[in-house]
């Protein structure tokens, strides 16, 4: 016995939206014939990529709905139920209608886009490369951890592999070489053209060796510039006997341009000594004259335009201290103004060393007046306040000179307070100096500067070493 097909279950009347019961063929409110209501389509049908629905992906029919069978082998078009705005969808989509131009003529069909003529054909996979298993990385891609690629194929050549490395500019003969990379040339602004490293300024660390004498100066670890300067040289007396000269100056940091003051003073004093000694001037008189020449050179730095003084009325004139030594075959002459010092260290360390200068400082004045002992005076915070210096605003210039005739060989140490702060007594200075200082003055000067830096390097450090007696001309450090 045949039966009429059951209609899909409808919860509300399509006409008046009144609730319906299962099995109703007419709406009890408006009498709408429910047999004309089409079956409700699925909202989101799942379609397989190949165009056929998989058995496991087919939607399950609703309870009470009849089974719908699709004839095998029939490719039915997908029906459009709505255009998305509540209106029936058009029979054709806009893209399916032939267009016309402004004259009414049909537009030519769009030819399929062809690949560019210059595009090379895709490369064929090498036969030796096996096909990748499902879930495994494609050839050319490495995975250190699952799902995290380490490298990706590049569409353009990797510049890291194809670009030629740029070689640093090789410094020509006589040009400065970078202290950081040891390969780049240093430009006029003081930077390496290879690595860009700022080069230390010329005065940050200076070394000079002249015959048997040597000097080293270093900026130290706390100061932003080196305000010390030195001058060393060798000459001969009228009788042909050799003579060695060393001048060490320390700029006064509380004054303006202290680095310029120390440089001007050391050069002026050194030049005068090397000029006066060959003419027969007595070494002690030459040292006195050298201090006066240095004072004049520093005073000249104070000759600034009036506008400069108006802009900085409270700045002091450039100033520095000075200490020097002249060594001949049998005479040792020292001279000083300020708190830089000269020490005597015998080659035979069984003989006691000595300090040959007295500071122009507050602490020295307290000791000389008997108000404090040396330990108490130099422990005071006012100990290093100097009472004598070279400069336009000095109270009164009193050059100090002294002559000695040592009876045994030794080494003369000329230094600033940046060194003797870490070896204040003569015994401490002798202990810090290598035993072969007379034969290797440059090496020993470096050792003494290193001693100050290891101690803290709170100030600029400068030291000059002169062996006594002066070796014959041509003899240098080993």
Protein backbone atom coordinates (compact mmCIF):
# COMPACT_ATOMS: atom_id res chain seq x y z
CA UNK A 1 0.00 0.00 0.00
CA UNK A 2 1.47 3.30 -1.08
CA UNK A 3 1.78 6.20 1.24
CA UNK A 4 2.22 9.92 0.63
CA UNK A 5 5.67 11.18 1.40
CA UNK A 6 5.93 12.80 4.77
CA UNK A 7 6.94 16.42 4.83
CA UNK A 8 9.88 17.70 6.73
CA UNK A 9 9.11 18.61 10.28
CA UNK A 10 8.34 22.33 10.60
CA UNK A 11 8.26 23.97 14.01
CA UNK A 12 6.48 27.19 12.98
CA UNK A 13 3.89 28.07 10.35
CA UNK A 14 5.61 29.72 7.37
CA UNK A 15 2.66 32.13 7.08
CA UNK A 16 1.78 33.26 10.60
CA UNK A 17 4.74 31.74 12.53
CA UNK A 18 2.41 30.01 15.01
CA UNK A 19 3.85 26.92 16.71
CA UNK A 20 3.03 23.61 15.05
CA UNK A 21 2.85 20.08 16.34
CA UNK A 22 4.41 17.02 14.79
CA UNK A 23 2.12 15.50 12.13
CA UNK A 24 0.09 18.69 11.43
CA UNK A 25 -0.83 19.01 7.74
CA UNK A 26 -2.58 22.39 8.11
CA UNK A 27 -1.91 25.35 10.41
CA UNK A 28 -4.48 25.47 13.16
CA UNK A 29 -4.33 29.29 13.29
CA UNK A 30 -4.47 30.37 9.65
CA UNK A 31 -5.15 27.09 7.81
CA UNK A 32 -1.91 27.22 5.77
CA UNK A 33 -1.34 24.02 3.77
CA UNK A 34 1.83 22.62 5.22
CA UNK A 35 2.24 20.06 2.41
CA UNK A 36 3.68 22.81 0.12
CA UNK A 37 6.48 23.68 2.56
CA UNK A 38 9.80 22.47 1.07
CA UNK A 39 12.31 20.61 3.18
CA UNK A 40 14.63 22.90 5.21
CA UNK A 41 18.13 22.91 3.68
CA UNK A 42 21.26 22.59 5.73
CA UNK A 43 22.74 25.92 6.79
CA UNK A 44 26.37 25.02 6.24
CA UNK A 45 26.74 22.00 3.97
CA UNK A 46 30.16 20.46 4.08
CA UNK A 47 31.56 19.75 0.62
CA UNK A 48 34.70 17.76 0.09
CA UNK A 49 37.56 19.23 -1.97
CA UNK A 50 36.94 16.80 -4.84
CA UNK A 51 33.28 17.82 -5.10
CA UNK A 52 31.78 14.75 -3.45
CA UNK A 53 30.55 14.41 0.07
CA UNK A 54 32.39 11.89 2.16
CA UNK A 55 30.39 9.29 3.92
CA UNK A 56 31.76 10.29 7.28
CA UNK A 57 30.98 13.98 6.53
CA UNK A 58 27.35 13.66 5.38
CA UNK A 59 24.93 15.53 7.65
CA UNK A 60 22.64 13.31 9.65
CA UNK A 61 18.94 13.73 8.75
CA UNK A 62 16.70 15.24 11.30
CA UNK A 63 14.44 12.97 13.30
CA UNK A 64 11.29 12.26 11.32
CA UNK A 65 12.66 13.61 8.05
CA UNK A 66 12.44 11.35 4.97
CA UNK A 67 15.62 9.98 3.49
CA UNK A 68 16.70 11.86 0.35
CA UNK A 69 18.55 9.90 -2.25
CA UNK A 70 20.62 11.50 -5.00
CA UNK A 71 20.84 9.53 -8.21
CA UNK A 72 24.35 8.30 -8.83
CA UNK A 73 26.37 10.04 -11.56
CA UNK A 74 24.30 13.27 -11.64
CA UNK A 75 26.16 16.56 -11.07
CA UNK A 76 23.36 18.80 -9.77
CA UNK A 77 23.98 22.55 -9.60
CA UNK A 78 23.98 24.11 -6.20
CA UNK A 79 20.67 25.89 -5.70
CA UNK A 80 20.71 29.45 -4.46
CA UNK A 81 18.04 30.05 -1.87
CA UNK A 82 18.67 33.72 -1.16
CA UNK A 83 20.86 36.60 -2.21
CA UNK A 84 21.70 37.34 1.42
CA UNK A 85 19.14 40.15 1.77
CA UNK A 86 15.94 38.10 2.14
CA UNK A 87 15.13 38.13 -1.62
CA UNK A 88 15.21 35.14 -3.96
CA UNK A 89 18.57 34.76 -5.58
CA UNK A 90 18.83 35.64 -9.28
CA UNK A 91 19.01 32.84 -11.78
CA UNK A 92 22.43 33.96 -12.91
CA UNK A 93 25.27 35.56 -11.05
CA UNK A 94 26.54 38.88 -12.37
CA UNK A 95 29.76 37.33 -13.54
CA UNK A 96 27.84 34.77 -15.63
CA UNK A 97 26.13 37.37 -17.87
CA UNK A 98 27.87 38.58 -21.05
CA UNK A 99 28.69 42.27 -20.80
CA UNK A 100 28.36 44.98 -23.47
CA UNK A 101 30.34 48.07 -24.20
CA UNK A 102 29.01 51.65 -24.45
CA UNK A 103 27.86 50.99 -28.04
CA UNK A 104 25.88 47.88 -27.18
CA UNK A 105 28.35 45.43 -28.68
CA UNK A 106 29.22 42.35 -26.65
CA UNK A 107 32.49 42.46 -24.84
CA UNK A 108 35.16 40.00 -25.98
CA UNK A 109 35.75 37.15 -23.54
CA UNK A 110 38.70 37.58 -21.23
CA UNK A 111 41.55 35.39 -22.40
CA UNK A 112 43.16 33.29 -19.72
CA UNK A 113 46.20 34.98 -18.24
CA UNK A 114 49.37 33.50 -19.65
CA UNK A 115 52.61 33.37 -17.68
CA UNK A 116 55.22 35.99 -18.61
CA UNK A 117 57.41 35.02 -21.54
CA UNK A 118 60.54 35.69 -19.54
CA UNK A 119 59.49 33.51 -16.64
CA UNK A 120 61.53 30.32 -16.61
CA UNK A 121 59.71 27.02 -16.33
CA UNK A 122 59.47 25.63 -12.84
CA UNK A 123 62.46 23.46 -12.04
CA UNK A 124 61.81 19.78 -11.93
CA UNK A 125 62.42 18.01 -8.69
CA UNK A 126 65.68 16.09 -8.65
CA UNK A 127 65.02 12.39 -9.14
CA UNK A 128 67.36 11.57 -6.26
CA UNK A 129 65.24 13.48 -3.73
CA UNK A 130 62.58 11.18 -2.27
CA UNK A 131 59.07 12.44 -1.77
CA UNK A 132 58.42 13.86 1.65
CA UNK A 133 56.28 11.78 3.93
CA UNK A 134 53.04 13.29 5.23
CA UNK A 135 53.79 15.70 8.07
CA UNK A 136 57.51 15.79 7.28
CA UNK A 137 59.30 18.99 6.22
CA UNK A 138 59.71 19.83 2.57
CA UNK A 139 63.17 19.43 1.02
CA UNK A 140 65.42 22.38 1.80
CA UNK A 141 63.78 23.10 5.16
CA UNK A 142 65.31 21.97 8.45
CA UNK A 143 63.40 21.62 11.69
CA UNK A 144 65.26 21.72 15.02
CA UNK A 145 61.97 21.17 16.84
CA UNK A 146 58.66 19.88 15.50
CA UNK A 147 56.76 22.62 13.74
CA UNK A 148 59.52 25.29 14.04
CA UNK A 149 61.44 25.96 10.81
CA UNK A 150 65.07 26.99 11.13
CA UNK A 151 65.65 28.13 7.56
CA UNK A 152 63.35 28.94 4.64
CA UNK A 153 64.21 28.85 0.95
CA UNK A 154 64.95 32.36 -0.30
CA UNK A 155 63.51 33.63 -3.57
CA UNK A 156 66.56 35.85 -4.03
CA UNK A 157 70.19 34.82 -3.49
CA UNK A 158 71.31 35.05 0.10
CA UNK A 159 73.53 38.18 0.30
CA UNK A 160 75.47 36.55 3.12
CA UNK A 161 76.67 33.91 0.66
CA UNK A 162 76.94 35.85 -2.59
CA UNK A 163 78.27 39.24 -1.42
CA UNK A 164 82.00 39.57 -1.28
CA UNK A 165 83.17 40.64 2.20
CA UNK A 166 84.43 44.19 2.28
CA UNK A 167 88.03 44.24 3.40
CA UNK A 168 88.98 47.03 5.79
CA UNK A 169 91.06 49.82 4.42
CA UNK A 170 94.68 48.93 4.97
CA UNK A 171 96.54 51.78 6.70
CA UNK A 172 99.37 53.19 4.65
CA UNK A 173 102.84 53.64 6.03
CA UNK A 174 102.87 56.28 8.73
CA UNK A 175 99.09 56.21 9.31
CA UNK A 176 97.57 55.32 12.68
CA UNK A 177 96.14 51.84 13.19
CA UNK A 178 93.00 51.24 15.28
CA UNK A 179 93.79 50.10 18.81
CA UNK A 180 90.60 47.98 18.89
CA UNK A 181 90.58 45.95 15.65
CA UNK A 182 94.27 46.45 14.79
CA UNK A 183 93.33 46.62 11.10
CA UNK A 184 91.39 49.80 10.29
CA UNK A 185 92.75 53.22 9.45
CA UNK A 186 92.03 56.08 11.87
CA UNK A 187 90.37 59.09 10.24
CA UNK A 188 90.99 62.74 11.01
CA UNK A 189 88.22 62.78 13.64
CA UNK A 190 89.87 60.02 15.67
CA UNK A 191 87.56 57.12 14.70
CA UNK A 192 88.41 53.80 13.04
CA UNK A 193 87.12 53.52 9.47
CA UNK A 194 86.73 49.77 9.90
CA UNK A 195 85.02 49.23 13.28
CA UNK A 196 84.12 52.82 14.25
CA UNK A 197 85.95 52.62 17.58
CA UNK A 198 86.92 55.99 19.06
CA UNK A 199 90.66 56.12 19.42
CA UNK A 200 92.36 57.26 22.61
CA UNK A 201 93.70 60.77 22.47
CA UNK A 202 97.40 61.14 21.91
CA UNK A 203 98.04 62.33 25.44
CA UNK A 204 96.00 59.59 27.14
CA UNK A 205 99.13 57.44 27.16
CA UNK A 206 102.57 58.68 26.14
CA UNK A 207 105.96 56.98 26.15
CA UNK A 208 109.35 58.30 25.10
CA UNK A 209 112.85 56.93 25.26
CA UNK A 210 115.87 59.17 24.66
CA UNK A 211 119.24 57.53 25.02
CA UNK A 212 119.56 56.10 28.54
CA UNK A 213 116.45 57.86 29.92
CA UNK A 214 112.73 57.17 29.46
CA UNK A 215 109.36 58.59 30.50
CA UNK A 216 105.77 57.30 30.56
CA UNK A 217 102.56 59.25 31.16
CA UNK A 218 99.03 57.85 31.50
CA UNK A 219 95.59 59.40 31.92
CA UNK A 220 94.77 57.10 34.82
CA UNK A 221 91.45 55.45 35.59
CA UNK A 222 89.36 58.35 36.90
CA UNK A 223 90.24 61.46 34.91
CA UNK A 224 88.66 62.19 31.54
CA UNK A 225 91.93 63.57 30.12
CA UNK A 226 95.65 63.60 30.85
CA UNK A 227 96.72 66.92 32.34
CA UNK A 228 100.35 65.81 32.84
CA UNK A 229 103.18 66.42 30.39
CA UNK A 230 106.91 65.68 30.22
CA UNK A 231 110.02 66.49 28.24
CA UNK A 232 113.17 64.34 28.10
CA UNK A 233 116.36 64.64 26.15
CA UNK A 234 120.12 64.17 26.04
CA UNK A 235 122.87 66.66 25.26
CA UNK A 236 126.58 67.22 25.92
CA UNK A 237 128.45 69.72 28.06
CA UNK A 238 131.19 71.92 26.54
CA UNK A 239 133.81 69.34 27.51
CA UNK A 240 131.89 66.59 25.70
CA UNK A 241 130.58 64.91 28.85
CA UNK A 242 127.00 63.58 28.42
CA UNK A 243 124.05 65.13 30.21
CA UNK A 244 120.46 63.91 30.59
CA UNK A 245 117.44 66.15 31.15
CA UNK A 246 113.90 65.36 32.34
CA UNK A 247 111.02 67.76 33.07
CA UNK A 248 107.63 66.61 34.43
CA UNK A 249 104.63 68.95 34.83
CA UNK A 250 101.22 68.40 36.44
CA UNK A 251 98.32 70.65 35.42
CA UNK A 252 96.25 72.22 38.21
CA UNK A 253 92.76 70.80 37.67
CA UNK A 254 90.98 73.70 39.37
CA UNK A 255 92.42 76.09 36.76
CA UNK A 256 91.39 76.49 33.15
CA UNK A 257 93.27 74.59 30.42
CA UNK A 258 95.56 72.68 32.81
CA UNK A 259 96.64 70.33 30.03
CA UNK A 260 97.81 73.27 27.92
CA UNK A 261 99.69 74.73 30.90
CA UNK A 262 101.63 71.54 31.63
CA UNK A 263 102.51 71.03 27.98
CA UNK A 264 103.72 74.61 27.51
CA UNK A 265 105.79 74.53 30.71
CA UNK A 266 107.47 71.18 29.99
CA UNK A 267 108.42 72.19 26.47
CA UNK A 268 109.77 75.61 27.46
CA UNK A 269 111.87 74.22 30.34
CA UNK A 270 113.19 71.28 28.35
CA UNK A 271 114.21 73.43 25.39
CA UNK A 272 116.05 75.93 27.58
CA UNK A 273 118.04 73.21 29.37
CA UNK A 274 119.06 71.49 26.13
CA UNK A 275 120.17 74.86 24.76
CA UNK A 276 121.91 76.30 27.87
CA UNK A 277 123.92 73.25 28.97
CA UNK A 278 126.02 72.94 25.78
CA UNK A 279 126.88 76.65 26.07
CA UNK A 280 128.50 76.07 29.46
CA UNK A 281 125.74 77.31 31.78
CA UNK A 282 126.05 75.62 35.16
CA UNK A 283 123.36 72.93 35.48
CA UNK A 284 121.87 74.45 38.63
CA UNK A 285 121.67 77.91 37.05
CA UNK A 286 120.24 76.38 33.89
CA UNK A 287 117.56 74.65 35.96
CA UNK A 288 116.63 77.95 37.63
CA UNK A 289 116.37 79.67 34.26
CA UNK A 290 114.32 76.79 32.87
CA UNK A 291 111.72 77.21 35.62
CA UNK A 292 111.45 80.92 34.84
CA UNK A 293 111.01 80.18 31.13
CA UNK A 294 108.28 77.68 31.95
CA UNK A 295 106.53 80.26 34.11
CA UNK A 296 106.53 82.78 31.26
CA UNK A 297 105.10 80.18 28.86
CA UNK A 298 102.20 79.42 31.25
CA UNK A 299 101.58 83.12 31.93
CA UNK A 300 101.22 83.69 28.19
CA UNK A 301 98.23 81.32 28.14
CA UNK A 302 96.33 83.78 30.34
CA UNK A 303 96.40 86.42 27.60
CA UNK A 304 92.84 85.81 26.47
CA UNK A 305 90.41 88.21 24.78
CA UNK A 306 88.38 90.38 27.11
CA UNK A 307 85.20 88.65 25.92
CA UNK A 308 86.50 85.30 27.20
CA UNK A 309 87.08 86.72 30.67
CA UNK A 310 83.60 88.32 30.63
CA UNK A 311 81.95 84.98 29.80
CA UNK A 312 83.81 83.14 32.59
CA UNK A 313 84.88 85.74 35.16
CA UNK A 314 85.39 83.21 37.97
CA UNK A 315 87.77 80.89 36.15
CA UNK A 316 91.40 80.78 37.23
CA UNK A 317 94.29 81.31 34.86
CA UNK A 318 96.03 78.20 33.47
CA UNK A 319 98.45 76.74 36.04
CA UNK A 320 100.67 73.71 36.65
CA UNK A 321 103.47 72.38 38.83
CA UNK A 322 106.98 71.52 37.62
CA UNK A 323 109.79 69.22 38.68
CA UNK A 324 112.97 68.43 36.79
CA UNK A 325 116.40 66.83 36.97
CA UNK A 326 119.73 67.18 35.18
CA UNK A 327 122.15 64.27 35.43
CA UNK A 328 125.80 64.46 34.34
CA UNK A 329 128.82 62.24 34.94
CA UNK A 330 129.20 63.34 38.57
CA UNK A 331 126.45 65.85 39.36
CA UNK A 332 122.72 65.61 39.99
CA UNK A 333 120.65 68.84 39.92
CA UNK A 334 116.94 69.01 40.71
CA UNK A 335 114.43 71.88 40.56
CA UNK A 336 110.74 72.18 41.36
CA UNK A 337 107.69 74.34 42.06
CA UNK A 338 104.66 72.56 43.48
CA UNK A 339 104.17 69.05 44.84
CA UNK A 340 105.72 66.84 42.15
CA UNK A 341 108.80 65.00 43.44
CA UNK A 342 112.28 63.56 42.75
CA UNK A 343 113.45 60.31 44.42
CA UNK A 344 116.90 58.74 44.54
CA UNK A 345 117.05 54.93 44.40
CA UNK A 346 120.56 53.35 44.52
CA UNK A 347 121.34 50.35 42.35
CA UNK A 348 122.53 48.60 45.47
CA UNK A 349 119.23 48.25 47.33
CA UNK A 350 121.13 47.67 50.58
CA UNK A 351 121.77 51.43 50.53
CA UNK A 352 118.76 53.49 51.65
CA UNK A 353 116.85 55.54 49.03
CA UNK A 354 115.95 59.21 49.56
CA UNK A 355 113.48 61.89 48.56
CA UNK A 356 115.27 64.93 47.11
CA UNK A 357 112.45 67.55 47.02
CA UNK A 358 110.07 69.21 49.48
CA UNK A 359 106.46 69.84 48.50
CA UNK A 360 104.94 73.27 48.12
CA UNK A 361 101.80 72.13 49.88
CA UNK A 362 99.67 72.68 52.97
CA UNK A 363 100.85 69.42 54.52
CA UNK A 364 104.53 70.33 54.07
CA UNK A 365 103.96 73.71 55.68
CA UNK A 366 102.27 72.09 58.69
CA UNK A 367 105.22 69.71 59.11
CA UNK A 368 107.80 72.50 58.67
CA UNK A 369 106.03 74.64 61.27
CA UNK A 370 105.97 71.74 63.73
CA UNK A 371 102.18 71.79 63.97
CA UNK A 372 101.76 68.20 62.74
CA UNK A 373 103.89 65.21 62.05
CA UNK A 374 104.12 63.96 58.48
CA UNK A 375 101.59 61.14 58.94
CA UNK A 376 98.99 63.47 60.44
CA UNK A 377 99.54 66.20 57.87
CA UNK A 378 99.21 63.95 54.81
CA UNK A 379 96.14 62.25 56.29
CA UNK A 380 94.31 65.58 56.33
CA UNK A 381 91.97 66.38 53.44
CA UNK A 382 93.89 69.65 52.86
CA UNK A 383 97.21 67.84 52.45
CA UNK A 384 97.45 68.24 48.66
CA UNK A 385 96.46 71.89 48.53
CA UNK A 386 99.50 73.40 46.82
CA UNK A 387 101.10 76.66 47.93
CA UNK A 388 103.36 77.12 44.91
CA UNK A 389 102.68 76.76 41.16
CA UNK A 390 103.35 78.26 37.75
CA UNK A 391 100.65 80.60 36.46
CA UNK A 392 99.56 84.18 36.10
CA UNK A 393 97.75 84.15 39.44
CA UNK A 394 100.60 82.59 41.48
CA UNK A 395 101.34 84.48 44.71
CA UNK A 396 105.10 84.71 44.17
CA UNK A 397 107.31 82.46 42.09
CA UNK A 398 110.04 80.85 44.16
CA UNK A 399 111.97 78.29 42.07
CA UNK A 400 113.63 75.60 44.21
CA UNK A 401 116.92 74.07 43.04
CA UNK A 402 119.38 71.73 44.70
CA UNK A 403 122.61 69.93 43.69
CA UNK A 404 123.83 66.47 44.77
CA UNK A 405 126.95 64.43 44.16
CA UNK A 406 125.99 60.78 44.73
CA UNK A 407 128.88 58.47 45.55
CA UNK A 408 127.37 55.36 43.94
CA UNK A 409 125.23 54.51 40.87
CA UNK A 410 121.50 54.75 41.10
CA UNK A 411 118.32 55.85 39.36
CA UNK A 412 116.65 59.26 39.61
CA UNK A 413 112.83 59.10 39.70
CA UNK A 414 111.00 62.26 38.56
CA UNK A 415 107.23 61.94 39.01
CA UNK A 416 103.88 63.59 39.71
CA UNK A 417 101.69 62.88 42.72
CA UNK A 418 99.70 60.45 40.58
CA UNK A 419 102.57 58.00 41.24
CA UNK A 420 103.88 58.92 44.67
CA UNK A 421 100.37 58.78 46.14
CA UNK A 422 100.81 55.01 45.85
CA UNK A 423 104.50 54.96 46.90
CA UNK A 424 104.88 57.97 49.14
CA UNK A 425 108.02 57.15 51.08
CA UNK A 426 111.40 56.57 49.46
CA UNK A 427 111.38 52.96 50.66
CA UNK A 428 107.98 52.34 49.04
CA UNK A 429 109.20 53.88 45.77
CA UNK A 430 112.31 51.70 45.77
CA UNK A 431 110.23 48.61 46.48
CA UNK A 432 107.89 49.33 43.55
CA UNK A 433 110.74 49.90 41.06
CA UNK A 434 112.34 46.90 39.29
CA UNK A 435 115.90 45.99 40.25
CA UNK A 436 117.16 46.47 36.68
CA UNK A 437 115.74 49.99 36.30
CA UNK A 438 119.15 51.47 35.45
CA UNK A 439 119.52 49.09 32.49
CA UNK A 440 115.85 49.09 31.40
CA UNK A 441 114.42 52.54 32.19
CA UNK A 442 111.45 52.35 29.78
CA UNK A 443 110.33 48.98 31.10
CA UNK A 444 110.72 50.18 34.68
CA UNK A 445 108.75 53.38 33.99
CA UNK A 446 105.90 51.24 32.64
CA UNK A 447 106.03 49.10 35.76
CA UNK A 448 105.76 52.14 38.02
CA UNK A 449 102.79 53.51 36.06
CA UNK A 450 101.16 50.10 36.31
CA UNK A 451 101.75 50.15 40.06
CA UNK A 452 99.74 53.37 40.32
CA UNK A 453 96.96 52.06 38.08
CA UNK A 454 96.73 48.86 40.10
CA UNK A 455 96.45 50.98 43.23
CA UNK A 456 93.41 52.82 41.87
CA UNK A 457 94.71 55.28 39.27
CA UNK A 458 92.80 58.19 40.81
CA UNK A 459 95.04 60.78 39.12
CA UNK A 460 97.13 61.21 35.99
CA UNK A 461 100.40 59.30 36.33
CA UNK A 462 103.75 60.47 34.92
CA UNK A 463 107.28 59.28 35.69
CA UNK A 464 110.73 59.75 34.14
CA UNK A 465 113.76 57.63 35.04
CA UNK A 466 117.37 58.82 34.65
CA UNK A 467 120.30 56.48 35.45
CA UNK A 468 123.18 58.04 37.39
CA UNK A 469 125.89 58.60 36.34
CA UNK A 470 124.90 59.32 32.77
CA UNK A 471 126.21 56.55 30.49
CA UNK A 472 128.42 57.50 27.55
CA UNK A 473 126.73 58.81 24.43
CA UNK A 474 125.04 56.04 22.41
CA UNK A 475 124.28 53.77 25.35
CA UNK A 476 120.56 53.10 25.71
CA UNK A 477 118.23 50.75 27.49
CA UNK A 478 118.61 47.06 26.93
